[in-house]
Amino acid sequence: MTTVEIKLPDSVAREAKKAGLLDAPAVEKVFREALRKQAVGELFAALDEIQALKLPPMSEEEIQAEIDAVRADRRKRARG
């Protein structure tokens, strides 16, 4: 477990404490939610980049071939 020290303006600290936001479970929840939002934002940014490439759509067969290739590569790596 890691200990984190933060500095807040007194008024914010009082309000956060009154709202129950300074206990460990509440702080963990805040951090987890922020991390989730960041991950979602990064996903959407990546999707925007992909859309900007204007690639032609793939057929179901092409998608399956890509999936099969990745799986085969993972099996090969797992064997050494």
N, C-alpha and C. Protein backbone atom coordinates (compact mmCIF):
# COMPACT_ATOMS: atom_id res chain seq x y z
N MET A 1 0.86 -1.17 0.00
CA MET A 1 0.00 0.00 0.00
C MET A 1 0.90 1.23 0.00
N THR A 2 0.53 2.21 -0.77
CA THR A 2 1.28 3.45 -0.90
C THR A 2 0.56 4.57 -0.16
N THR A 3 1.31 5.41 0.50
CA THR A 3 0.76 6.58 1.17
C THR A 3 0.99 7.79 0.27
N VAL A 4 -0.06 8.58 0.09
CA VAL A 4 0.01 9.76 -0.76
C VAL A 4 -0.34 10.98 0.08
N GLU A 5 0.46 12.01 -0.05
CA GLU A 5 0.19 13.26 0.64
C GLU A 5 -0.22 14.29 -0.40
N ILE A 6 -1.34 14.96 -0.16
CA ILE A 6 -1.79 16.00 -1.09
C ILE A 6 -1.97 17.31 -0.34
N LYS A 7 -1.82 18.39 -1.06
CA LYS A 7 -2.03 19.71 -0.49
C LYS A 7 -3.27 20.31 -1.14
N LEU A 8 -4.20 20.71 -0.32
CA LEU A 8 -5.44 21.32 -0.79
C LEU A 8 -5.66 22.64 -0.07
N PRO A 9 -6.33 23.56 -0.71
CA PRO A 9 -6.74 24.76 0.03
C PRO A 9 -7.60 24.32 1.22
N ASP A 10 -7.49 25.03 2.33
CA ASP A 10 -8.22 24.65 3.54
C ASP A 10 -9.72 24.50 3.29
N SER A 11 -10.29 25.40 2.53
CA SER A 11 -11.74 25.33 2.29
C SER A 11 -12.11 24.07 1.52
N VAL A 12 -11.30 23.69 0.56
CA VAL A 12 -11.58 22.48 -0.20
C VAL A 12 -11.42 21.25 0.69
N ALA A 13 -10.38 21.24 1.50
CA ALA A 13 -10.14 20.12 2.42
C ALA A 13 -11.31 19.96 3.39
N ARG A 14 -11.81 21.07 3.91
CA ARG A 14 -12.95 21.00 4.84
C ARG A 14 -14.18 20.42 4.15
N GLU A 15 -14.46 20.91 2.94
CA GLU A 15 -15.64 20.43 2.21
C GLU A 15 -15.48 18.96 1.84
N ALA A 16 -14.29 18.58 1.41
CA ALA A 16 -14.05 17.18 1.04
C ALA A 16 -14.18 16.27 2.25
N LYS A 17 -13.66 16.70 3.38
CA LYS A 17 -13.76 15.90 4.59
C LYS A 17 -15.22 15.78 5.02
N LYS A 18 -15.95 16.89 4.96
CA LYS A 18 -17.37 16.88 5.34
C LYS A 18 -18.17 15.95 4.43
N ALA A 19 -17.78 15.87 3.15
CA ALA A 19 -18.47 15.01 2.19
C ALA A 19 -17.99 13.56 2.25
N GLY A 20 -17.01 13.29 3.12
CA GLY A 20 -16.51 11.92 3.24
C GLY A 20 -15.57 11.50 2.13
N LEU A 21 -14.97 12.48 1.48
CA LEU A 21 -14.11 12.18 0.32
C LEU A 21 -12.64 12.00 0.67
N LEU A 22 -12.28 12.15 1.93
CA LEU A 22 -10.87 12.04 2.29
C LEU A 22 -10.50 10.70 2.93
N ASP A 23 -11.47 9.81 3.11
CA ASP A 23 -11.09 8.50 3.64
C ASP A 23 -10.55 7.64 2.49
N ALA A 24 -9.78 6.63 2.83
CA ALA A 24 -9.06 5.84 1.83
C ALA A 24 -9.98 5.25 0.74
N PRO A 25 -11.11 4.62 1.09
CA PRO A 25 -11.96 4.07 0.02
C PRO A 25 -12.49 5.14 -0.94
N ALA A 26 -12.82 6.31 -0.40
CA ALA A 26 -13.34 7.37 -1.26
C ALA A 26 -12.26 7.91 -2.17
N VAL A 27 -11.06 8.10 -1.64
CA VAL A 27 -9.95 8.60 -2.46
C VAL A 27 -9.61 7.57 -3.55
N GLU A 28 -9.59 6.29 -3.18
CA GLU A 28 -9.33 5.25 -4.17
C GLU A 28 -10.38 5.29 -5.29
N LYS A 29 -11.63 5.46 -4.91
CA LYS A 29 -12.71 5.53 -5.90
C LYS A 29 -12.50 6.70 -6.85
N VAL A 30 -12.10 7.84 -6.32
CA VAL A 30 -11.85 9.03 -7.14
C VAL A 30 -10.73 8.74 -8.15
N PHE A 31 -9.64 8.15 -7.66
CA PHE A 31 -8.52 7.85 -8.55
C PHE A 31 -8.91 6.81 -9.61
N ARG A 32 -9.62 5.77 -9.20
CA ARG A 32 -10.03 4.75 -10.17
C ARG A 32 -10.93 5.33 -11.26
N GLU A 33 -11.84 6.20 -10.86
CA GLU A 33 -12.73 6.84 -11.83
C GLU A 33 -11.94 7.74 -12.78
N ALA A 34 -10.98 8.48 -12.24
CA ALA A 34 -10.16 9.35 -13.08
C ALA A 34 -9.34 8.52 -14.07
N LEU A 35 -8.80 7.40 -13.61
CA LEU A 35 -8.03 6.52 -14.50
C LEU A 35 -8.91 5.93 -15.59
N ARG A 36 -10.15 5.55 -15.22
CA ARG A 36 -11.08 5.00 -16.20
C ARG A 36 -11.42 6.04 -17.26
N LYS A 37 -11.69 7.27 -16.82
CA LYS A 37 -12.01 8.35 -17.76
C LYS A 37 -10.83 8.63 -18.69
N GLN A 38 -9.62 8.59 -18.14
CA GLN A 38 -8.43 8.81 -18.95
C GLN A 38 -8.29 7.71 -20.00
N ALA A 39 -8.52 6.46 -19.60
CA ALA A 39 -8.42 5.34 -20.54
C ALA A 39 -9.47 5.47 -21.64
N VAL A 40 -10.67 5.86 -21.27
CA VAL A 40 -11.74 6.04 -22.26
C VAL A 40 -11.37 7.17 -23.23
N GLY A 41 -10.83 8.25 -22.68
CA GLY A 41 -10.40 9.37 -23.53
C GLY A 41 -9.32 8.96 -24.51
N GLU A 42 -8.38 8.15 -24.04
CA GLU A 42 -7.31 7.66 -24.93
C GLU A 42 -7.87 6.75 -26.00
N LEU A 43 -8.85 5.92 -25.63
CA LEU A 43 -9.49 5.04 -26.62
C LEU A 43 -10.17 5.85 -27.71
N PHE A 44 -10.94 6.86 -27.30
CA PHE A 44 -11.63 7.68 -28.30
C PHE A 44 -10.64 8.47 -29.16
N ALA A 45 -9.54 8.91 -28.58
CA ALA A 45 -8.52 9.60 -29.36
C ALA A 45 -7.93 8.66 -30.41
N ALA A 46 -7.68 7.42 -30.01
CA ALA A 46 -7.16 6.44 -30.96
C ALA A 46 -8.17 6.16 -32.07
N LEU A 47 -9.44 6.07 -31.70
CA LEU A 47 -10.48 5.85 -32.72
C LEU A 47 -10.56 7.03 -33.69
N ASP A 48 -10.42 8.24 -33.17
CA ASP A 48 -10.41 9.42 -34.04
C ASP A 48 -9.25 9.36 -35.03
N GLU A 49 -8.08 8.93 -34.54
CA GLU A 49 -6.91 8.82 -35.41
C GLU A 49 -7.15 7.77 -36.50
N ILE A 50 -7.76 6.67 -36.13
CA ILE A 50 -8.06 5.61 -37.11
C ILE A 50 -9.04 6.12 -38.16
N GLN A 51 -10.08 6.81 -37.71
CA GLN A 51 -11.06 7.35 -38.65
C GLN A 51 -10.42 8.36 -39.60
N ALA A 52 -9.47 9.14 -39.10
CA ALA A 52 -8.82 10.15 -39.94
C ALA A 52 -8.00 9.51 -41.06
N LEU A 53 -7.64 8.25 -40.90
CA LEU A 53 -6.86 7.56 -41.94
C LEU A 53 -7.70 7.23 -43.18
N LYS A 54 -9.03 7.26 -43.02
CA LYS A 54 -9.95 7.00 -44.13
C LYS A 54 -9.66 5.64 -44.80
N LEU A 55 -9.46 4.63 -43.96
CA LEU A 55 -9.20 3.29 -44.49
C LEU A 55 -10.50 2.67 -45.00
N PRO A 56 -10.42 1.86 -46.04
CA PRO A 56 -11.65 1.20 -46.52
C PRO A 56 -12.11 0.18 -45.49
N PRO A 57 -13.41 -0.05 -45.40
CA PRO A 57 -13.91 -1.03 -44.44
C PRO A 57 -13.40 -2.43 -44.77
N MET A 58 -13.25 -3.24 -43.72
CA MET A 58 -12.79 -4.61 -43.92
C MET A 58 -14.00 -5.54 -43.97
N SER A 59 -13.87 -6.59 -44.77
CA SER A 59 -14.93 -7.60 -44.81
C SER A 59 -14.81 -8.50 -43.58
N GLU A 60 -15.84 -9.27 -43.31
CA GLU A 60 -15.79 -10.19 -42.19
C GLU A 60 -14.64 -11.18 -42.36
N GLU A 61 -14.41 -11.60 -43.59
CA GLU A 61 -13.33 -12.55 -43.86
C GLU A 61 -11.96 -11.94 -43.56
N GLU A 62 -11.78 -10.66 -43.92
CA GLU A 62 -10.52 -9.99 -43.65
C GLU A 62 -10.30 -9.83 -42.14
N ILE A 63 -11.36 -9.48 -41.45
CA ILE A 63 -11.27 -9.34 -39.99
C ILE A 63 -10.90 -10.67 -39.36
N GLN A 64 -11.57 -11.75 -39.79
CA GLN A 64 -11.27 -13.06 -39.24
C GLN A 64 -9.84 -13.48 -39.55
N ALA A 65 -9.35 -13.17 -40.73
CA ALA A 65 -7.98 -13.50 -41.10
C ALA A 65 -6.99 -12.77 -40.18
N GLU A 66 -7.27 -11.51 -39.84
CA GLU A 66 -6.41 -10.76 -38.92
C GLU A 66 -6.43 -11.39 -37.53
N ILE A 67 -7.61 -11.76 -37.07
CA ILE A 67 -7.74 -12.41 -35.76
C ILE A 67 -6.96 -13.72 -35.74
N ASP A 68 -7.12 -14.51 -36.79
CA ASP A 68 -6.41 -15.79 -36.88
C ASP A 68 -4.90 -15.59 -36.88
N ALA A 69 -4.43 -14.57 -37.57
CA ALA A 69 -2.99 -14.29 -37.64
C ALA A 69 -2.45 -13.90 -36.26
N VAL A 70 -3.18 -13.07 -35.54
CA VAL A 70 -2.74 -12.67 -34.20
C VAL A 70 -2.72 -13.87 -33.27
N ARG A 71 -3.75 -14.70 -33.33
CA ARG A 71 -3.79 -15.89 -32.48
C ARG A 71 -2.65 -16.84 -32.79
N ALA A 72 -2.36 -17.03 -34.07
CA ALA A 72 -1.26 -17.91 -34.46
C ALA A 72 0.07 -17.35 -33.95
N ASP A 73 0.23 -16.04 -34.04
CA ASP A 73 1.47 -15.42 -33.54
C ASP A 73 1.60 -15.59 -32.04
N ARG A 74 0.51 -15.45 -31.30
CA ARG A 74 0.55 -15.64 -29.84
C ARG A 74 0.89 -17.08 -29.49
N ARG A 75 0.31 -18.03 -30.21
CA ARG A 75 0.63 -19.45 -29.97
C ARG A 75 2.10 -19.72 -30.22
N LYS A 76 2.63 -19.14 -31.30
CA LYS A 76 4.04 -19.34 -31.65
C LYS A 76 4.94 -18.77 -30.56
N ARG A 77 4.61 -17.58 -30.07
CA ARG A 77 5.43 -16.97 -29.01
C ARG A 77 5.35 -17.76 -27.71
N ALA A 78 4.17 -18.29 -27.41
CA ALA A 78 3.97 -19.06 -26.17
C ALA A 78 4.82 -20.34 -26.17
N ARG A 79 5.03 -20.91 -27.36
CA ARG A 79 5.84 -22.13 -27.48
C ARG A 79 7.32 -21.83 -27.39
N GLY A 80 7.67 -20.58 -27.62
CA GLY A 80 9.09 -20.21 -27.52
C GLY A 80 9.70 -20.05 -28.81
